[in-house]
Amino acid sequence: MTDWQRNWRGGGVLFLVLLIVAGIFYGSQPKLGASPAELVSFFHGDRTRILIATCIFCFAFLELVWFGAALSSALRDEGMGGWAGAAIASSAALAALLFLRMAIRAGLAFSIVGPGTLVIAPGLSDFAYVLTVIMAFPTAMFVMSGAFGLWRAEIISKTFFAVGVGAVIVTLLGGTTWARDGFWAPDGFYSVASQFVAYIWIAVISGVLYMRSPAVANSPERAAVPTS
């Protein structure tokens, strides 16, 4: 395994770190159904900060793509071709939706939000939240491909696999958060929490793959992650 391949395996960790950094820059997004005045205050008033955060977010999404390719490669090396295909497909779908959602929000900050565009701005802002809900499905598939594929390859333990199954369920339920407001809304607590459960799982799996030495990764003796 080359150094580049090992770095790609650590892409999931960088993905989470960059998401957190970008989120700090980005600030608090206006809620679902926000008024035009709130949108102007956020997207126009904090335009420069949002565009800086956009660049960091996009680097994070690239790390996710690299990690998806690395996970797929690791699974294929272990004879898990089906799960490898699921990993590459779901990571690509997830990254595409993340880029699209970020493009909408960056567009609002760059030029869309203004005195003459207040009719369409709320709709675009809400559409970005719709994408957040839809993203739950490819995210769950990506988490599932890692959990099931790595367990079948005996790279992670049964306990670790059970945690992954729990993360899949939590993430899938995020795809049902269609309430207008409150806990179960696209901008509610559960939707945000379910995303972070999935992203933390991705980072942990990335760390596991990164820490495995080339000798262990390529040997017939596969070391499972010990049960805590």
Protein backbone atom coordinates (compact mmCIF):
# COMPACT_ATOMS: atom_id res chain seq x y z
CA MET A 1 0.00 0.00 0.00
CA THR A 2 1.42 3.38 -0.95
CA ASP A 3 1.45 6.39 1.36
CA TRP A 4 -1.27 7.99 -0.80
CA GLN A 5 -3.57 5.02 -0.28
CA ARG A 6 -3.02 5.20 3.45
CA ASN A 7 -3.79 8.92 3.43
CA TRP A 8 -7.02 8.28 1.52
CA ARG A 9 -8.04 5.83 4.23
CA GLY A 10 -7.71 8.68 6.72
CA GLY A 11 -9.94 10.92 4.61
CA GLY A 12 -12.98 10.20 6.77
CA VAL A 13 -11.25 11.73 9.79
CA LEU A 14 -10.30 14.84 7.81
CA PHE A 15 -13.87 15.00 6.50
CA LEU A 16 -15.25 15.32 10.04
CA VAL A 17 -12.56 17.77 11.19
CA LEU A 18 -13.10 20.05 8.20
CA LEU A 19 -16.89 19.89 8.66
CA ILE A 20 -16.52 21.13 12.23
CA VAL A 21 -14.13 23.92 11.22
CA ALA A 22 -16.39 24.98 8.32
CA GLY A 23 -19.45 24.87 10.58
CA ILE A 24 -17.78 27.28 13.01
CA PHE A 25 -17.06 29.69 10.16
CA TYR A 26 -20.50 29.28 8.62
CA GLY A 27 -22.50 30.12 11.72
CA SER A 28 -26.14 29.40 12.54
CA GLN A 29 -28.23 28.77 9.44
CA PRO A 30 -31.68 30.47 9.33
CA LYS A 31 -34.40 28.00 10.26
CA LEU A 32 -36.85 26.33 7.90
CA GLY A 33 -39.42 28.89 6.73
CA ALA A 34 -37.23 31.84 7.73
CA SER A 35 -38.49 35.26 6.74
CA PRO A 36 -36.85 37.23 3.90
CA ALA A 37 -35.45 39.65 6.47
CA GLU A 38 -33.71 36.82 8.34
CA LEU A 39 -32.27 35.47 5.10
CA VAL A 40 -30.92 38.88 4.10
CA SER A 41 -29.39 39.35 7.54
CA PHE A 42 -27.57 36.00 7.35
CA PHE A 43 -26.65 35.47 3.69
CA HIS A 44 -26.05 39.10 2.74
CA GLY A 45 -24.77 40.39 6.07
CA ASP A 46 -22.27 37.53 6.54
CA ARG A 47 -21.48 36.96 2.86
CA THR A 48 -17.68 36.83 3.11
CA ARG A 49 -17.68 34.47 6.08
CA ILE A 50 -20.14 32.12 4.36
CA LEU A 51 -18.06 31.96 1.18
CA ILE A 52 -14.92 31.18 3.19
CA ALA A 53 -16.83 28.40 4.94
CA THR A 54 -18.00 27.14 1.54
CA CYS A 55 -14.41 26.54 0.46
CA ILE A 56 -13.69 24.58 3.63
CA PHE A 57 -16.91 22.57 3.28
CA CYS A 58 -15.99 21.64 -0.29
CA PHE A 59 -12.56 20.41 0.79
CA ALA A 60 -14.36 18.28 3.38
CA PHE A 61 -16.59 16.79 0.69
CA LEU A 62 -13.53 15.94 -1.40
CA GLU A 63 -12.07 14.06 1.58
CA LEU A 64 -15.33 12.10 1.78
CA VAL A 65 -14.97 11.11 -1.88
CA TRP A 66 -11.38 9.99 -1.33
CA PHE A 67 -12.40 7.98 1.71
CA GLY A 68 -15.24 6.36 -0.20
CA ALA A 69 -12.75 5.22 -2.83
CA ALA A 70 -10.35 3.96 -0.14
CA LEU A 71 -13.08 2.04 1.70
CA SER A 72 -14.22 0.49 -1.57
CA SER A 73 -10.66 -0.54 -2.38
CA ALA A 74 -10.16 -2.04 1.09
CA LEU A 75 -13.37 -4.05 0.79
CA ARG A 76 -12.50 -5.26 -2.69
CA ASP A 77 -9.06 -6.39 -1.48
CA GLU A 78 -10.84 -8.53 1.11
CA GLY A 79 -13.13 -10.12 -1.47
CA MET A 80 -16.19 -8.00 -0.58
CA GLY A 81 -16.91 -6.79 -4.11
CA GLY A 82 -20.62 -6.17 -3.53
CA TRP A 83 -20.08 -4.02 -0.46
CA ALA A 84 -17.22 -2.25 -2.25
CA GLY A 85 -19.59 -1.26 -5.03
CA ALA A 86 -22.16 -0.05 -2.50
CA ALA A 87 -19.51 2.04 -0.76
CA ILE A 88 -18.31 3.84 -3.88
CA ALA A 89 -21.84 4.44 -5.18
CA SER A 90 -23.26 5.73 -1.90
CA SER A 91 -20.27 7.96 -1.14
CA ALA A 92 -20.54 9.52 -4.61
CA ALA A 93 -24.29 10.09 -4.19
CA LEU A 94 -23.79 11.60 -0.74
CA ALA A 95 -20.99 13.89 -1.94
CA ALA A 96 -23.10 15.03 -4.91
CA LEU A 97 -25.98 16.03 -2.61
CA LEU A 98 -23.59 17.77 -0.21
CA PHE A 99 -22.05 19.76 -3.06
CA LEU A 100 -25.51 20.66 -4.39
CA ARG A 101 -26.76 21.83 -1.00
CA MET A 102 -23.62 23.89 -0.48
CA ALA A 103 -23.92 25.37 -3.98
CA ILE A 104 -27.45 26.56 -3.19
CA ARG A 105 -26.39 28.20 0.07
CA ALA A 106 -23.26 29.71 -1.47
CA GLY A 107 -25.40 31.05 -4.32
CA LEU A 108 -27.74 32.68 -1.82
CA ALA A 109 -24.78 34.40 -0.19
CA PHE A 110 -22.98 35.28 -3.41
CA SER A 111 -25.73 37.03 -5.34
CA ILE A 112 -29.23 35.55 -4.97
CA VAL A 113 -30.27 37.17 -1.69
CA GLY A 114 -31.01 40.84 -2.33
CA PRO A 115 -33.80 43.41 -2.52
CA GLY A 116 -35.14 42.08 -5.82
CA THR A 117 -34.94 38.35 -5.09
CA LEU A 118 -36.79 37.95 -1.81
CA VAL A 119 -39.54 35.93 -3.50
CA ILE A 120 -37.30 33.02 -4.52
CA ALA A 121 -34.73 33.13 -1.70
CA PRO A 122 -36.97 31.48 0.96
CA GLY A 123 -37.82 28.66 -1.44
CA LEU A 124 -34.16 27.97 -2.20
CA SER A 125 -33.26 28.07 1.48
CA ASP A 126 -36.00 25.55 2.27
CA PHE A 127 -34.95 23.37 -0.67
CA ALA A 128 -31.51 23.06 0.91
CA TYR A 129 -33.21 21.62 3.99
CA VAL A 130 -35.11 19.15 1.79
CA LEU A 131 -31.76 17.93 0.49
CA THR A 132 -30.64 17.42 4.09
CA VAL A 133 -33.46 14.93 4.60
CA ILE A 134 -32.86 13.15 1.28
CA MET A 135 -29.16 12.79 2.11
CA ALA A 136 -30.06 10.40 4.93
CA PHE A 137 -30.54 7.55 2.45
CA PRO A 138 -27.14 7.49 0.68
CA THR A 139 -25.52 8.26 4.04
CA ALA A 140 -27.16 5.21 5.61
CA MET A 141 -26.08 3.08 2.66
CA PHE A 142 -22.49 4.27 3.04
CA VAL A 143 -22.46 3.52 6.77
CA MET A 144 -24.05 0.12 6.09
CA SER A 145 -21.50 -0.82 3.42
CA GLY A 146 -18.67 -0.09 5.84
CA ALA A 147 -20.25 -1.86 8.81
CA PHE A 148 -21.37 -5.01 6.99
CA GLY A 149 -18.45 -5.21 4.58
CA LEU A 150 -15.72 -4.75 7.18
CA TRP A 151 -17.43 -7.16 9.58
CA ARG A 152 -17.76 -9.84 6.90
CA ALA A 153 -14.08 -9.29 6.12
CA GLU A 154 -13.30 -9.73 9.84
CA ILE A 155 -11.67 -6.32 10.06
CA ILE A 156 -14.01 -5.09 12.82
CA SER A 157 -15.45 -6.96 15.76
CA LYS A 158 -19.06 -8.05 16.24
CA THR A 159 -19.56 -5.34 18.88
CA PHE A 160 -18.24 -2.70 16.53
CA PHE A 161 -20.53 -4.07 13.83
CA ALA A 162 -23.53 -3.76 16.17
CA VAL A 163 -22.68 -0.10 16.74
CA GLY A 164 -22.58 0.35 12.97
CA VAL A 165 -26.02 -1.22 12.59
CA GLY A 166 -27.32 1.21 15.20
CA ALA A 167 -25.78 4.09 13.25
CA VAL A 168 -27.53 2.87 10.09
CA ILE A 169 -30.92 2.87 11.84
CA VAL A 170 -30.39 6.30 13.38
CA THR A 171 -29.32 7.70 10.01
CA LEU A 172 -32.23 6.15 8.10
CA LEU A 173 -34.71 7.68 10.54
CA GLY A 174 -33.24 11.04 9.60
CA GLY A 175 -34.93 10.52 6.24
CA THR A 176 -38.34 10.79 7.92
CA THR A 177 -37.85 14.22 9.49
CA TRP A 178 -40.55 16.02 7.54
CA ALA A 179 -42.25 17.94 10.35
CA ARG A 180 -42.79 21.66 9.76
CA ASP A 181 -40.94 22.59 12.92
CA GLY A 182 -39.63 21.20 16.17
CA PHE A 183 -37.66 18.09 17.08
CA TRP A 184 -38.55 16.09 13.92
CA ALA A 185 -38.15 18.90 11.36
CA PRO A 186 -35.38 18.99 8.74
CA ASP A 187 -33.67 21.65 10.87
CA GLY A 188 -34.63 20.01 14.16
CA PHE A 189 -32.46 18.29 16.73
CA TYR A 190 -32.90 14.75 15.43
CA SER A 191 -31.97 15.60 11.85
CA VAL A 192 -28.76 17.29 12.96
CA ALA A 193 -27.93 14.55 15.48
CA SER A 194 -28.47 11.73 12.99
CA GLN A 195 -26.05 13.36 10.56
CA PHE A 196 -23.36 13.65 13.20
CA VAL A 197 -23.85 10.03 14.29
CA ALA A 198 -23.17 8.97 10.70
CA TYR A 199 -20.22 11.33 10.27
CA ILE A 200 -18.61 10.23 13.53
CA TRP A 201 -19.00 6.60 12.43
CA ILE A 202 -17.32 7.43 9.12
CA ALA A 203 -14.44 9.11 10.98
CA VAL A 204 -14.01 6.13 13.32
CA ILE A 205 -13.98 3.62 10.46
CA SER A 206 -11.52 5.86 8.65
CA GLY A 207 -9.27 5.83 11.71
CA VAL A 208 -9.47 2.04 11.93
CA LEU A 209 -8.44 1.61 8.30
CA TYR A 210 -5.70 4.24 8.60
CA MET A 211 -4.14 2.58 11.66
CA ARG A 212 -3.95 -0.84 10.04
CA SER A 213 -0.39 -1.31 8.82
CA PRO A 214 0.26 -2.26 5.18
CA ALA A 215 1.58 -5.61 6.37
CA VAL A 216 -1.63 -6.39 8.24
CA ALA A 217 -3.81 -5.04 5.45
CA ASN A 218 -2.19 -7.26 2.85
CA SER A 219 -1.63 -10.40 4.88
CA PRO A 220 -4.04 -13.34 4.95
CA GLU A 221 -4.34 -12.96 8.71
CA ARG A 222 -6.95 -10.28 9.30
CA ALA A 223 -6.89 -8.64 12.67
CA ALA A 224 -10.34 -7.73 14.02
CA VAL A 225 -10.80 -4.61 16.10
CA PRO A 226 -10.83 -5.84 19.72
CA THR A 227 -14.07 -5.70 21.63
CA SER A 228 -13.93 -3.12 24.40
